[in-house]
C-alpha atoms as a PDB file:
ATOM      1  CA  UNK A   1       0.000   0.000   0.000  1.00  0.00           C
ATOM      2  CA  UNK A   2       2.993   2.297   0.642  1.00  0.00           C
ATOM      3  CA  UNK A   3       3.883   2.174  -3.064  1.00  0.00           C
ATOM      4  CA  UNK A   4       0.502   3.585  -4.089  1.00  0.00           C
ATOM      5  CA  UNK A   5       1.145   6.960  -2.453  1.00  0.00           C
ATOM      6  CA  UNK A   6       4.171   7.872  -4.664  1.00  0.00           C
ATOM      7  CA  UNK A   7       2.128   6.775  -7.693  1.00  0.00           C
ATOM      8  CA  UNK A   8      -0.709   9.093  -6.678  1.00  0.00           C
ATOM      9  CA  UNK A   9       1.718  11.973  -6.173  1.00  0.00           C
ATOM     10  CA  UNK A  10       3.332  11.364  -9.576  1.00  0.00           C
ATOM     11  CA  UNK A  11      -0.014  11.236 -11.419  1.00  0.00           C
ATOM     12  CA  UNK A  12      -1.266  14.410  -9.722  1.00  0.00           C
ATOM     13  CA  UNK A  13       1.909  16.354 -10.557  1.00  0.00           C
ATOM     14  CA  UNK A  14       1.781  15.133 -14.159  1.00  0.00           C
ATOM     15  CA  UNK A  15      -1.797  16.389 -14.518  1.00  0.00           C
ATOM     16  CA  UNK A  16      -0.807  19.782 -13.101  1.00  0.00           C
ATOM     17  CA  UNK A  17       2.115  20.072 -15.509  1.00  0.00           C
ATOM     18  CA  UNK A  18       0.066  19.385 -18.662  1.00  0.00           C
ATOM     19  CA  UNK A  19      -2.720  21.879 -17.873  1.00  0.00           C
ATOM     20  CA  UNK A  20      -1.109  24.809 -19.767  1.00  0.00           C
ATOM     21  CA  UNK A  21      -0.246  22.513 -22.715  1.00  0.00           C
ATOM     22  CA  UNK A  22      -3.815  21.301 -23.132  1.00  0.00           C
ATOM     23  CA  UNK A  23      -5.163  24.846 -22.874  1.00  0.00           C
ATOM     24  CA  UNK A  24      -3.121  26.244 -25.775  1.00  0.00           C
ATOM     25  CA  UNK A  25      -4.169  27.334 -29.271  1.00  0.00           C
ATOM     26  CA  UNK A  26      -7.552  28.768 -28.343  1.00  0.00           C
ATOM     27  CA  UNK A  27      -9.586  31.856 -29.080  1.00  0.00           C
ATOM     28  CA  UNK A  28     -12.264  33.708 -27.179  1.00  0.00           C
ATOM     29  CA  UNK A  29     -15.506  35.361 -28.289  1.00  0.00           C
ATOM     30  CA  UNK A  30     -15.607  37.015 -31.726  1.00  0.00           C
ATOM     31  CA  UNK A  31     -15.822  40.758 -31.109  1.00  0.00           C
ATOM     32  CA  UNK A  32     -15.384  42.060 -34.659  1.00  0.00           C
ATOM     33  CA  UNK A  33     -16.136  40.611 -38.077  1.00  0.00           C
ATOM     34  CA  UNK A  34     -16.058  42.173 -41.529  1.00  0.00           C
ATOM     35  CA  UNK A  35     -15.983  41.227 -45.185  1.00  0.00           C
ATOM     36  CA  UNK A  36     -15.008  43.968 -47.600  1.00  0.00           C
ATOM     37  CA  UNK A  37     -12.727  44.928 -50.464  1.00  0.00           C
ATOM     38  CA  UNK A  38      -9.496  46.658 -49.468  1.00  0.00           C
ATOM     39  CA  UNK A  39      -6.842  48.648 -51.279  1.00  0.00           C
ATOM     40  CA  UNK A  40      -3.293  49.787 -50.589  1.00  0.00           C
ATOM     41  CA  UNK A  41      -3.323  52.488 -47.918  1.00  0.00           C
ATOM     42  CA  UNK A  42      -6.560  51.404 -46.232  1.00  0.00           C
ATOM     43  CA  UNK A  43      -6.721  51.583 -42.427  1.00  0.00           C
ATOM     44  CA  UNK A  44      -9.229  49.491 -40.481  1.00  0.00           C
ATOM     45  CA  UNK A  45      -9.964  50.306 -36.847  1.00  0.00           C
ATOM     46  CA  UNK A  46     -10.722  47.197 -34.795  1.00  0.00           C
ATOM     47  CA  UNK A  47     -11.764  46.589 -31.194  1.00  0.00           C
ATOM     48  CA  UNK A  48      -9.593  46.855 -28.061  1.00  0.00           C
ATOM     49  CA  UNK A  49      -7.361  49.494 -29.635  1.00  0.00           C
ATOM     50  CA  UNK A  50      -6.149  47.290 -32.507  1.00  0.00           C
ATOM     51  CA  UNK A  51      -5.730  48.698 -36.004  1.00  0.00           C
ATOM     52  CA  UNK A  52      -4.892  47.054 -39.333  1.00  0.00           C
ATOM     53  CA  UNK A  53      -3.265  48.850 -42.251  1.00  0.00           C
ATOM     54  CA  UNK A  54      -2.945  47.547 -45.804  1.00  0.00           C
ATOM     55  CA  UNK A  55       0.550  48.700 -46.740  1.00  0.00           C
ATOM     56  CA  UNK A  56       0.756  47.175 -50.203  1.00  0.00           C
ATOM     57  CA  UNK A  57      -1.225  44.742 -52.341  1.00  0.00           C
ATOM     58  CA  UNK A  58       0.942  42.920 -54.830  1.00  0.00           C
ATOM     59  CA  UNK A  59       0.333  40.155 -57.350  1.00  0.00           C
ATOM     60  CA  UNK A  60       0.835  37.210 -55.010  1.00  0.00           C
ATOM     61  CA  UNK A  61       0.860  38.688 -51.518  1.00  0.00           C
ATOM     62  CA  UNK A  62      -0.051  41.704 -49.411  1.00  0.00           C
ATOM     63  CA  UNK A  63       2.005  43.666 -46.892  1.00  0.00           C
ATOM     64  CA  UNK A  64       0.058  44.446 -43.721  1.00  0.00           C
ATOM     65  CA  UNK A  65       0.760  46.053 -40.351  1.00  0.00           C
ATOM     66  CA  UNK A  66      -1.073  45.576 -37.061  1.00  0.00           C
ATOM     67  CA  UNK A  67      -1.018  48.264 -34.401  1.00  0.00           C
ATOM     68  CA  UNK A  68      -2.080  48.242 -30.770  1.00  0.00           C
ATOM     69  CA  UNK A  69      -2.772  51.881 -30.066  1.00  0.00           C
ATOM     70  CA  UNK A  70       0.111  53.840 -31.561  1.00  0.00           C
ATOM     71  CA  UNK A  71       2.552  50.918 -31.326  1.00  0.00           C
ATOM     72  CA  UNK A  72       3.218  48.772 -34.378  1.00  0.00           C
ATOM     73  CA  UNK A  73       3.296  45.172 -33.158  1.00  0.00           C
ATOM     74  CA  UNK A  74       3.464  43.359 -36.507  1.00  0.00           C
ATOM     75  CA  UNK A  75       4.680  44.039 -40.022  1.00  0.00           C
ATOM     76  CA  UNK A  76       4.477  41.087 -42.370  1.00  0.00           C
ATOM     77  CA  UNK A  77       3.409  39.791 -45.777  1.00  0.00           C
ATOM     78  CA  UNK A  78       0.533  37.361 -46.235  1.00  0.00           C
ATOM     79  CA  UNK A  79      -0.479  35.347 -49.270  1.00  0.00           C
ATOM     80  CA  UNK A  80      -3.939  34.177 -48.250  1.00  0.00           C
ATOM     81  CA  UNK A  81      -4.834  33.107 -44.726  1.00  0.00           C
ATOM     82  CA  UNK A  82      -3.038  34.520 -41.703  1.00  0.00           C
ATOM     83  CA  UNK A  83      -3.655  34.467 -37.946  1.00  0.00           C
ATOM     84  CA  UNK A  84      -2.091  36.879 -35.482  1.00  0.00           C
ATOM     85  CA  UNK A  85      -1.829  35.483 -31.979  1.00  0.00           C
ATOM     86  CA  UNK A  86      -0.168  36.143 -28.642  1.00  0.00           C
ATOM     87  CA  UNK A  87       0.808  34.186 -25.558  1.00  0.00           C
ATOM     88  CA  UNK A  88      -0.868  35.148 -22.292  1.00  0.00           C
ATOM     89  CA  UNK A  89      -0.080  33.249 -19.112  1.00  0.00           C
ATOM     90  CA  UNK A  90       1.405  30.330 -21.029  1.00  0.00           C
ATOM     91  CA  UNK A  91      -1.664  30.003 -23.265  1.00  0.00           C
ATOM     92  CA  UNK A  92      -1.564  30.764 -27.018  1.00  0.00           C
ATOM     93  CA  UNK A  93      -4.535  32.887 -28.070  1.00  0.00           C
ATOM     94  CA  UNK A  94      -5.651  33.670 -31.628  1.00  0.00           C
ATOM     95  CA  UNK A  95      -6.472  37.385 -31.776  1.00  0.00           C
ATOM     96  CA  UNK A  96      -6.988  38.343 -35.437  1.00  0.00           C
ATOM     97  CA  UNK A  97      -7.712  35.993 -38.340  1.00  0.00           C
ATOM     98  CA  UNK A  98      -7.339  37.391 -41.865  1.00  0.00           C
ATOM     99  CA  UNK A  99      -8.187  35.789 -45.192  1.00  0.00           C
ATOM    100  CA  UNK A 100      -7.453  37.658 -48.416  1.00  0.00           C
ATOM    101  CA  UNK A 101      -8.287  36.767 -52.017  1.00  0.00           C
ATOM    102  CA  UNK A 102      -5.362  38.135 -54.009  1.00  0.00           C
ATOM    103  CA  UNK A 103      -6.056  36.457 -57.338  1.00  0.00           C
ATOM    104  CA  UNK A 104      -7.852  39.448 -58.798  1.00  0.00           C
ATOM    105  CA  UNK A 105      -5.265  42.066 -57.961  1.00  0.00           C
ATOM    106  CA  UNK A 106      -6.355  45.337 -56.402  1.00  0.00           C
ATOM    107  CA  UNK A 107      -8.797  45.865 -54.752  1.00  0.00           C
ATOM    108  CA  UNK A 108      -8.644  42.544 -52.896  1.00  0.00           C
ATOM    109  CA  UNK A 109     -11.469  40.870 -51.007  1.00  0.00           C
ATOM    110  CA  UNK A 110     -10.739  40.427 -47.315  1.00  0.00           C
ATOM    111  CA  UNK A 111     -12.465  38.556 -44.496  1.00  0.00           C
ATOM    112  CA  UNK A 112     -11.374  39.507 -40.979  1.00  0.00           C
ATOM    113  CA  UNK A 113     -12.401  38.062 -37.636  1.00  0.00           C
ATOM    114  CA  UNK A 114     -11.139  39.484 -34.359  1.00  0.00           C
ATOM    115  CA  UNK A 115     -11.377  37.563 -31.091  1.00  0.00           C
ATOM    116  CA  UNK A 116     -11.368  39.071 -27.629  1.00  0.00           C
ATOM    117  CA  UNK A 117      -7.868  39.611 -26.274  1.00  0.00           C
ATOM    118  CA  UNK A 118      -8.006  38.545 -22.600  1.00  0.00           C
ATOM    119  CA  UNK A 119      -4.931  40.669 -21.896  1.00  0.00           C
ATOM    120  CA  UNK A 120      -6.628  43.925 -22.953  1.00  0.00           C
ATOM    121  CA  UNK A 121      -9.574  45.782 -21.359  1.00  0.00           C
ATOM    122  CA  UNK A 122     -12.951  44.958 -22.857  1.00  0.00           C
ATOM    123  CA  UNK A 123     -16.491  44.944 -21.492  1.00  0.00           C
ATOM    124  CA  UNK A 124     -17.949  41.519 -20.798  1.00  0.00           C
ATOM    125  CA  UNK A 125     -20.510  40.562 -23.510  1.00  0.00           C
ATOM    126  CA  UNK A 126     -24.152  41.233 -22.712  1.00  0.00           C
ATOM    127  CA  UNK A 127     -24.864  37.968 -24.551  1.00  0.00           C
ATOM    128  CA  UNK A 128     -22.016  35.557 -25.235  1.00  0.00           C
ATOM    129  CA  UNK A 129     -21.968  33.077 -28.161  1.00  0.00           C
ATOM    130  CA  UNK A 130     -25.437  31.554 -27.792  1.00  0.00           C
ATOM    131  CA  UNK A 131     -27.525  29.598 -30.312  1.00  0.00           C
ATOM    132  CA  UNK A 132     -31.183  30.458 -30.832  1.00  0.00           C
ATOM    133  CA  UNK A 133     -34.068  29.727 -33.204  1.00  0.00           C
ATOM    134  CA  UNK A 134     -36.193  32.666 -34.317  1.00  0.00           C
ATOM    135  CA  UNK A 135     -39.655  31.913 -35.618  1.00  0.00           C
ATOM    136  CA  UNK A 136     -40.754  33.887 -38.658  1.00  0.00           C
ATOM    137  CA  UNK A 137     -42.522  37.104 -37.696  1.00  0.00           C
ATOM    138  CA  UNK A 138     -41.570  36.915 -34.022  1.00  0.00           C
ATOM    139  CA  UNK A 139     -39.001  39.120 -32.318  1.00  0.00           C
ATOM    140  CA  UNK A 140     -36.342  37.580 -30.106  1.00  0.00           C
ATOM    141  CA  UNK A 141     -35.642  39.922 -27.170  1.00  0.00           C
ATOM    142  CA  UNK A 142     -31.963  40.713 -26.654  1.00  0.00           C
ATOM    143  CA  UNK A 143     -30.335  43.174 -24.222  1.00  0.00           C
ATOM    144  CA  UNK A 144     -30.363  46.975 -23.962  1.00  0.00           C
ATOM    145  CA  UNK A 145     -33.608  47.386 -25.940  1.00  0.00           C
ATOM    146  CA  UNK A 146     -32.544  45.317 -28.964  1.00  0.00           C
ATOM    147  CA  UNK A 147     -34.691  42.669 -30.672  1.00  0.00           C
ATOM    148  CA  UNK A 148     -33.929  40.325 -33.574  1.00  0.00           C
ATOM    149  CA  UNK A 149     -36.637  39.152 -35.983  1.00  0.00           C
ATOM    150  CA  UNK A 150     -36.808  36.763 -38.924  1.00  0.00           C
ATOM    151  CA  UNK A 151     -38.857  39.116 -41.083  1.00  0.00           C
ATOM    152  CA  UNK A 152     -39.301  36.764 -44.014  1.00  0.00           C
ATOM    153  CA  UNK A 153     -38.277  33.279 -45.135  1.00  0.00           C
ATOM    154  CA  UNK A 154     -38.387  32.353 -48.816  1.00  0.00           C
ATOM    155  CA  UNK A 155     -36.873  29.037 -49.921  1.00  0.00           C
ATOM    156  CA  UNK A 156     -33.372  29.005 -48.399  1.00  0.00           C
ATOM    157  CA  UNK A 157     -33.182  32.751 -47.869  1.00  0.00           C
ATOM    158  CA  UNK A 158     -34.031  34.620 -44.676  1.00  0.00           C
ATOM    159  CA  UNK A 159     -34.234  38.315 -43.915  1.00  0.00           C
ATOM    160  CA  UNK A 160     -33.088  39.215 -40.411  1.00  0.00           C
ATOM    161  CA  UNK A 161     -34.102  42.554 -38.932  1.00  0.00           C
ATOM    162  CA  UNK A 162     -32.542  44.118 -35.856  1.00  0.00           C
ATOM    163  CA  UNK A 163     -34.523  46.630 -33.838  1.00  0.00           C
ATOM    164  CA  UNK A 164     -33.545  49.008 -31.091  1.00  0.00           C
ATOM    165  CA  UNK A 165     -36.430  50.528 -29.145  1.00  0.00           C
ATOM    166  CA  UNK A 166     -38.785  49.489 -31.996  1.00  0.00           C
ATOM    167  CA  UNK A 167     -36.660  51.255 -34.635  1.00  0.00           C
ATOM    168  CA  UNK A 168     -34.986  49.245 -37.409  1.00  0.00           C
ATOM    169  CA  UNK A 169     -31.207  49.630 -37.209  1.00  0.00           C
ATOM    170  CA  UNK A 170     -30.125  46.774 -39.503  1.00  0.00           C
ATOM    171  CA  UNK A 171     -31.804  44.533 -42.060  1.00  0.00           C
ATOM    172  CA  UNK A 172     -30.035  41.946 -44.200  1.00  0.00           C
ATOM    173  CA  UNK A 173     -30.829  38.993 -46.432  1.00  0.00           C
ATOM    174  CA  UNK A 174     -28.873  35.827 -45.651  1.00  0.00           C
ATOM    175  CA  UNK A 175     -28.710  32.648 -47.705  1.00  0.00           C
ATOM    176  CA  UNK A 176     -25.343  30.957 -47.147  1.00  0.00           C
ATOM    177  CA  UNK A 177     -24.706  28.724 -44.169  1.00  0.00           C
ATOM    178  CA  UNK A 178     -22.092  30.423 -42.000  1.00  0.00           C
ATOM    179  CA  UNK A 179     -22.915  33.893 -43.331  1.00  0.00           C
ATOM    180  CA  UNK A 180     -22.667  36.545 -40.610  1.00  0.00           C
ATOM    181  CA  UNK A 181     -25.207  39.103 -39.522  1.00  0.00           C
ATOM    182  CA  UNK A 182     -23.172  41.964 -38.060  1.00  0.00           C
ATOM    183  CA  UNK A 183     -24.313  45.293 -36.658  1.00  0.00           C
ATOM    184  CA  UNK A 184     -21.793  48.032 -35.879  1.00  0.00           C
ATOM    185  CA  UNK A 185     -22.108  51.639 -34.835  1.00  0.00           C
ATOM    186  CA  UNK A 186     -19.711  54.580 -34.728  1.00  0.00           C
ATOM    187  CA  UNK A 187     -19.012  56.348 -31.456  1.00  0.00           C
ATOM    188  CA  UNK A 188     -16.586  59.293 -31.436  1.00  0.00           C
ATOM    189  CA  UNK A 189     -15.514  58.290 -34.942  1.00  0.00           C
ATOM    190  CA  UNK A 190     -14.600  54.736 -33.861  1.00  0.00           C
ATOM    191  CA  UNK A 191     -16.566  51.777 -35.185  1.00  0.00           C
ATOM    192  CA  UNK A 192     -17.763  49.323 -32.538  1.00  0.00           C
ATOM    193  CA  UNK A 193     -19.377  45.928 -33.034  1.00  0.00           C
ATOM    194  CA  UNK A 194     -22.696  45.620 -31.192  1.00  0.00           C
ATOM    195  CA  UNK A 195     -24.058  42.293 -32.456  1.00  0.00           C
ATOM    196  CA  UNK A 196     -22.700  39.276 -34.328  1.00  0.00           C
ATOM    197  CA  UNK A 197     -24.691  36.169 -35.296  1.00  0.00           C
ATOM    198  CA  UNK A 198     -23.973  33.316 -37.688  1.00  0.00           C
ATOM    199  CA  UNK A 199     -26.754  32.086 -40.007  1.00  0.00           C
ATOM    200  CA  UNK A 200     -26.946  28.297 -39.728  1.00  0.00           C
ATOM    201  CA  UNK A 201     -30.100  27.037 -41.384  1.00  0.00           C
ATOM    202  CA  UNK A 202     -33.844  27.362 -41.902  1.00  0.00           C
ATOM    203  CA  UNK A 203     -35.977  24.834 -40.043  1.00  0.00           C
ATOM    204  CA  UNK A 204     -39.142  23.179 -41.321  1.00  0.00           C
ATOM    205  CA  UNK A 205     -41.302  25.154 -38.884  1.00  0.00           C
ATOM    206  CA  UNK A 206     -40.443  28.498 -40.494  1.00  0.00           C
ATOM    207  CA  UNK A 207     -37.670  29.252 -38.027  1.00  0.00           C
ATOM    208  CA  UNK A 208     -34.184  30.603 -38.597  1.00  0.00           C
ATOM    209  CA  UNK A 209     -31.424  29.040 -36.517  1.00  0.00           C
ATOM    210  CA  UNK A 210     -28.410  31.216 -35.684  1.00  0.00           C
ATOM    211  CA  UNK A 211     -25.333  30.377 -33.626  1.00  0.00           C
ATOM    212  CA  UNK A 212     -22.463  32.283 -32.056  1.00  0.00           C
ATOM    213  CA  UNK A 213     -24.774  35.190 -31.279  1.00  0.00           C
ATOM    214  CA  UNK A 214     -22.945  37.751 -29.172  1.00  0.00           C
ATOM    215  CA  UNK A 215     -24.103  41.199 -28.153  1.00  0.00           C
ATOM    216  CA  UNK A 216     -21.835  43.874 -26.737  1.00  0.00           C
ATOM    217  CA  UNK A 217     -22.579  47.017 -24.810  1.00  0.00           C
ATOM    218  CA  UNK A 218     -22.381  50.296 -26.692  1.00  0.00           C
ATOM    219  CA  UNK A 219     -19.389  52.256 -25.347  1.00  0.00           C
ATOM    220  CA  UNK A 220     -20.196  55.655 -23.946  1.00  0.00           C
ATOM    221  CA  UNK A 221     -19.168  58.711 -25.877  1.00  0.00           C
ATOM    222  CA  UNK A 222     -16.373  60.762 -24.323  1.00  0.00           C
ATOM    223  CA  UNK A 223     -18.940  63.551 -23.963  1.00  0.00           C
ATOM    224  CA  UNK A 224     -21.102  61.398 -21.691  1.00  0.00           C
ATOM    225  CA  UNK A 225     -18.614  61.332 -18.814  1.00  0.00           C
ATOM    226  CA  UNK A 226     -16.491  58.571 -17.435  1.00  0.00           C
ATOM    227  CA  UNK A 227     -19.014  56.853 -15.137  1.00  0.00           C
ATOM    228  CA  UNK A 228     -17.997  54.939 -12.028  1.00  0.00           C
ATOM    229  CA  UNK A 229     -20.108  51.785 -11.964  1.00  0.00           C
ATOM    230  CA  UNK A 230     -17.557  49.313 -13.292  1.00  0.00           C
ATOM    231  CA  UNK A 231     -16.858  47.127 -10.265  1.00  0.00           C
ATOM    232  CA  UNK A 232     -18.994  44.256 -11.571  1.00  0.00           C
ATOM    233  CA  UNK A 233     -17.345  44.343 -15.002  1.00  0.00           C
ATOM    234  CA  UNK A 234     -13.898  44.306 -13.364  1.00  0.00           C
ATOM    235  CA  UNK A 235     -14.864  41.195 -11.391  1.00  0.00           C
ATOM    236  CA  UNK A 236     -16.087  39.460 -14.544  1.00  0.00           C
ATOM    237  CA  UNK A 237     -12.856  40.293 -16.354  1.00  0.00           C
ATOM    238  CA  UNK A 238     -10.897  38.870 -13.407  1.00  0.00           C
ATOM    239  CA  UNK A 239     -12.834  35.599 -13.617  1.00  0.00           C
ATOM    240  CA  UNK A 240     -12.103  35.388 -17.359  1.00  0.00           C
ATOM    241  CA  UNK A 241      -8.386  36.093 -16.852  1.00  0.00           C
ATOM    242  CA  UNK A 242      -6.171  33.134 -17.907  1.00  0.00           C
ATOM    243  CA  UNK A 243      -4.029  33.676 -14.804  1.00  0.00           C
ATOM    244  CA  UNK A 244      -7.061  33.301 -12.566  1.00  0.00           C
ATOM    245  CA  UNK A 245      -8.245  30.214 -14.455  1.00  0.00           C
ATOM    246  CA  UNK A 246      -4.796  28.594 -14.266  1.00  0.00           C
ATOM    247  CA  UNK A 247      -4.486  29.240 -10.513  1.00  0.00           C
ATOM    248  CA  UNK A 248      -8.006  27.942 -10.000  1.00  0.00           C
ATOM    249  CA  UNK A 249      -7.120  24.742 -11.882  1.00  0.00           C
ATOM    250  CA  UNK A 250      -4.048  24.248  -9.675  1.00  0.00           C
ATOM    251  CA  UNK A 251      -6.147  24.812  -6.557  1.00  0.00           C
ATOM    252  CA  UNK A 252      -8.773  22.275  -7.673  1.00  0.00           C
ATOM    253  CA  UNK A 253      -6.197  19.594  -8.450  1.00  0.00           C
ATOM    254  CA  UNK A 254      -4.381  20.295  -5.188  1.00  0.00           C
ATOM    255  CA  UNK A 255      -7.656  19.714  -3.319  1.00  0.00           C
ATOM    256  CA  UNK A 256      -8.194  16.472  -5.236  1.00  0.00           C
ATOM    257  CA  UNK A 257      -4.648  15.374  -4.379  1.00  0.00           C
ATOM    258  CA  UNK A 258      -5.175  16.048  -0.655  1.00  0.00           C
ATOM    259  CA  UNK A 259      -8.460  14.152  -0.745  1.00  0.00           C
ATOM    260  CA  UNK A 260      -6.861  11.136  -2.489  1.00  0.00           C
ATOM    261  CA  UNK A 261      -3.932  11.189  -0.048  1.00  0.00           C
ATOM    262  CA  UNK A 262      -6.350  11.179   2.894  1.00  0.00           C
ATOM    263  CA  UNK A 263      -8.244   8.214   1.454  1.00  0.00           C
ATOM    264  CA  UNK A 264      -4.981   6.345   0.886  1.00  0.00           C
ATOM    265  CA  UNK A 265      -3.947   6.889   4.505  1.00  0.00           C
ATOM    266  CA  UNK A 266      -7.289   5.637   5.793  1.00  0.00           C
ATOM    267  CA  UNK A 267      -7.001   2.511   3.655  1.00  0.00           C
ATOM    268  CA  UNK A 268      -3.470   1.932   4.919  1.00  0.00           C
ATOM    269  CA  UNK A 269      -4.679   2.023   8.511  1.00  0.00           C
END
């Protein structure tokens, strides 16, 4: 029975050591998505202070730069698909995914998806990556006075309409599986993503199924004052922090180890 205790200790330590390895290569909630044509010299403001510039579009590749605030953090050439990531607390996070179609020269078609950077300040989503079915003609209540409706369904095409306080703010026809419904607004000249949803399919009961629906709070304009009610948001950001999650995992496994050790001692007696 004495030999079982070193085995238990070894297994527990091994589990603790592989936690950061298993947690790598991940991404968090999509906070910005766009599909558009771009040209040399274009600048695209993203969320969390990130900015993308198209430095040059050539025949087979494109030179791009990524900034965080005023600091240039990347200058590279891409020839199609590219993902910018960063390591935070031993975990590799994807931050910006870019796909460019360069076969037609300039302008080039670009798809960009930005994921939340857990190392940068950002308000916790009002609604985070949920899946819902919206019946034709019925409004799905969201947060902050928003509602989403499947206005019409014809064959494999659906029209989604987004309301705020009963006013239409976005209406779009979707037909391709995986196509995104995205609503953004400009505040102090900066574009902010308010809602993202992915069109999945149309059900037999005249319902539209969407996934990955996330809604974000509209940032206050600088003219509206700073506000001081951010304690709850700070706590939520702490819970989402990779450092907190890693320490919590260690604590949980340490508790399990102590419990197993206690059981082993009782058995030995």
